[in-house]
Structures are given as structure tokens and as C-alpha cells.
Amino acid sequence: MKMILSTIVGTLLLAGAATASEKCRVPMTDWQPREALQTKLEGEGWKVRSIRSEDGCYEAYALNAKGEKVEAYFDPKTFVAVDMKSED
């Protein structure tokens, strides 16, 4: 029973890791500069604290146009938001 449970838990953990790393599947040669993402977000009323690379995406910590603290993930080629979490 423990063996089956361990196998199930391990499979779920691996599936979660695979999903997280597949948010953005863009070759580095196709990435736009992070400064361009910052300019885009600031043009939409965001106050950007930082932008870094995470799971193949750009991860932005910012206040959105509504003033909410967010952690947002963007496709590095198109700047389309692929995930967003509120930090409240």
C-alpha cells in the first residue's frame, strides 16, 4: 500500500513540475527584451517592481493598474499573460 501511495504522490509531483515548466515554451532567440515588457506594462498603468525569468516565462512583480500587488507570468515572445496571482 505504501508503495502504491508513494508512486501516486511522485507521479503527481512530476506532473505538477512539468506543467509549471511548460507555461512558456519559447526559444531564447525569440525572447523580447524585458525592458520592452516593462515599457508595455507601465504604459498600461502598472508600477513594475521587478521582472525576472521563471519557468521559461517573464515573471513580473508589480502593482497592476487597479493598484493590486500581483505576480504575473508573461510569454516572453508575445507578452501575453499566461498566469497571474494576487499577493494580497
Protein backbone atom coordinates (compact mmCIF):
# COMPACT_ATOMS: atom_id res chain seq x y z
CA MET A 1 0.00 0.00 0.00
CA LYS A 2 2.83 2.42 0.87
CA MET A 3 4.49 1.63 -2.46
CA ILE A 4 1.33 2.48 -4.42
CA LEU A 5 0.79 5.69 -2.45
CA SER A 6 4.43 6.74 -2.97
CA THR A 7 4.11 6.10 -6.70
CA ILE A 8 0.93 8.18 -6.93
CA VAL A 9 2.43 11.09 -4.97
CA GLY A 10 5.62 11.00 -7.05
CA THR A 11 3.64 10.99 -10.29
CA LEU A 12 1.54 13.96 -9.17
CA LEU A 13 4.63 15.93 -8.16
CA LEU A 14 6.30 15.29 -11.51
CA ALA A 15 3.12 16.21 -13.39
CA GLY A 16 2.92 19.49 -11.46
CA ALA A 17 6.54 20.30 -12.20
CA ALA A 18 6.07 19.55 -15.90
CA THR A 19 3.02 21.79 -16.06
CA ALA A 20 4.82 24.68 -14.36
CA SER A 21 7.79 24.48 -16.69
CA GLU A 22 5.57 24.41 -19.77
CA LYS A 23 3.87 27.76 -19.21
CA CYS A 24 6.08 29.32 -21.84
CA ARG A 25 7.91 27.28 -24.44
CA VAL A 26 9.75 29.91 -26.43
CA PRO A 27 13.35 29.57 -27.67
CA MET A 28 15.63 32.19 -26.11
CA THR A 29 16.36 33.57 -29.59
CA ASP A 30 12.69 34.64 -29.84
CA TRP A 31 12.51 36.43 -26.49
CA GLN A 32 11.89 40.17 -26.49
CA PRO A 33 13.90 42.27 -24.02
CA ARG A 34 12.46 42.51 -20.52
CA GLU A 35 12.69 46.31 -20.82
CA ALA A 36 10.07 46.09 -23.59
CA LEU A 37 7.72 44.22 -21.24
CA GLN A 38 8.30 46.83 -18.53
CA THR A 39 7.53 49.64 -21.00
CA LYS A 40 4.33 47.85 -22.10
CA LEU A 41 3.14 47.28 -18.52
CA GLU A 42 3.94 50.84 -17.42
CA GLY A 43 2.02 52.10 -20.46
CA GLU A 44 -0.98 50.15 -19.13
CA GLY A 45 -0.70 51.87 -15.73
CA TRP A 46 1.34 49.22 -13.89
CA LYS A 47 4.09 50.06 -11.41
CA VAL A 48 6.73 47.38 -12.01
CA ARG A 49 8.93 46.38 -9.06
CA SER A 50 10.93 43.69 -10.87
CA ILE A 51 10.93 41.35 -13.85
CA ARG A 52 12.87 38.10 -13.99
CA SER A 53 12.88 34.83 -15.88
CA GLU A 54 10.98 31.91 -14.34
CA ASP A 55 9.80 28.61 -15.88
CA GLY A 56 10.59 29.89 -19.37
CA CYS A 57 8.44 32.99 -18.84
CA TYR A 58 8.95 36.52 -17.67
CA GLU A 59 7.75 36.87 -14.09
CA ALA A 60 6.75 40.39 -13.08
CA TYR A 61 6.19 41.62 -9.54
CA ALA A 62 4.14 44.77 -9.77
CA LEU A 63 1.14 46.83 -8.83
CA ASN A 64 -1.39 46.48 -11.63
CA ALA A 65 -3.50 49.35 -12.96
CA LYS A 66 -6.00 48.76 -10.11
CA GLY A 67 -3.24 49.12 -7.50
CA GLU A 68 -3.25 45.40 -6.61
CA LYS A 69 0.04 43.61 -5.86
CA VAL A 70 0.46 40.87 -8.44
CA GLU A 71 2.90 38.21 -9.51
CA ALA A 72 2.28 37.79 -13.24
CA TYR A 73 3.82 35.49 -15.83
CA PHE A 74 4.15 36.58 -19.45
CA ASP A 75 5.08 34.80 -22.66
CA PRO A 76 8.50 36.28 -23.49
CA LYS A 77 7.77 36.47 -27.23
CA THR A 78 4.23 37.90 -27.25
CA PHE A 79 3.94 39.38 -23.72
CA VAL A 80 0.58 37.63 -23.35
CA ALA A 81 -0.21 36.95 -19.68
CA VAL A 82 -0.16 33.20 -19.01
CA ASP A 83 -0.76 33.28 -15.23
CA MET A 84 -1.39 35.89 -12.56
CA LYS A 85 -1.54 35.68 -8.78
CA SER A 86 -2.64 38.37 -6.37
CA GLU A 87 -0.24 38.89 -3.45
CA ASP A 88 -2.84 40.26 -1.05
